[in-house]
Amino acid sequence: MTETTPQTRTFEWTGRTDGPGPEHARWHSTVQTAPLEQLLDGAAPAAGQVPGRDANAQGTDASPAPAGGTAGSGAAAERPAVDLIGFSSDAGVARNKGRVGAAEGPDALRTGLASLAIREPRTLTDFGTIVVADDAGLEPGQDRLSDAVAGSVRRGAVPCVLGGGHETAWGTFRGLRAELAAKAEQAGTRTPRLGILNLDQHFDLREEDRPTSGTPFRQIAELLKAAGEDFVYGVVGLSEVNNTTAGFETAEALGVRVLLDVDCTVQAAVRFARELIDSVDALYMTLDLDVLPASVAPGVSAPAGYGVNLDIIRAVMLEAARSGKLAGFDVVELNPRFDTDSRTARTAARLIDDVVRALA
């Protein structure tokens, strides 16, 4: 099969404007845009000093300045910078025999974020979206995502990947792992132990002939085993009825930590997350929106019949964000074709904003 070279798409940030000045700041007036190639070729400057187009500059080049401060100085420079990277793909969902539409997720998430108010200075940069146009483009698209995520970590930012099906995870994790290992080698220290916190009703540990949205954590487990590294993987919100006995046996053999959806309370879920976080040096968090009840998140590839309440999912994500160990995160499986009044996109956008606000 001939591989398809993934393309890159930009997003025009627009939204409600109440007036000039930081007191009226919203995401659309704060986010700076920059070419994805800056992350891929290592040309992206240190986080907080990203040259790009101001979302409100109407096509003119401008030095980016976060709301309430100048780039690279003040409170915004002291808070972790966040890089948005879109991954427009539902090829893995199609391979997994799911309902497609997640490729439209990245821009729907951005639209949900656009008019949210910015209360504190922060540095946000959007590097556009990697587009997987067809089935043959999935693997090269995942490779490009890995390179982009690595470039984001290299410049000192926290990458936030907007998916896409859960095949996104294979790209996000590899990028985080590669750059954390490279930094450790440069510093002459050991490679950090990178754990995975997955908020999801599925294990996504399937064994298939080729990658799908149901295989990313099996792929990661095999990658780490070959490298002699620990596979530290915890799932919050797993549904017993949506995972086979074979899936549970695989998870047990791999030492996967599990908190079932029916056992989720705020206290239990936060304790589960804290124990996993305490056992690693760095954390990759991935939110599959199908972990939420279908009434809250109807616009997903596989709606939950039970799901975990929003306040519980939010508490877990805040625990990770405040830990000081969150290396990067992604939000996946938003399917705008099945969303109701953008309900799922709005919920996801709020959770992303909460994480960005809480980052330590």
Foldseek 3Di string as FASTA:
>chain_A
DDADAWDFDADQQDDDAPDDALVRAAQLQFEFEDALVCLLVVVAAAFQFGWGCGSPNVPDTDGHQWGPGRGCDDPQVVAAAEEEEEEQDQLQVVVVVFDDFFSVFPNLLSVLRRGHRDDDTHHYYYNTYTYQPHNSHLVNSLCSLLSSLLSQVVSRHAYEYTDDAQSNVLSNVNNLQVNQCVVCVVVVHHRWQEAEEEADQAPLCDDDPDHHSSNRLVVVLVVQVVVVGQHHAEYEAHAPVVYDPVRVVVCVVNVYHYDHQVRDDLVVLQVVLVVSVVVTQAYEYEYELLQAACVQQVQFRDHDPRHHHLVSVLSSLLSNQQPLRYRYYYYGGGRVVGDDPSRNSNSVSVSVVSSSVNHD
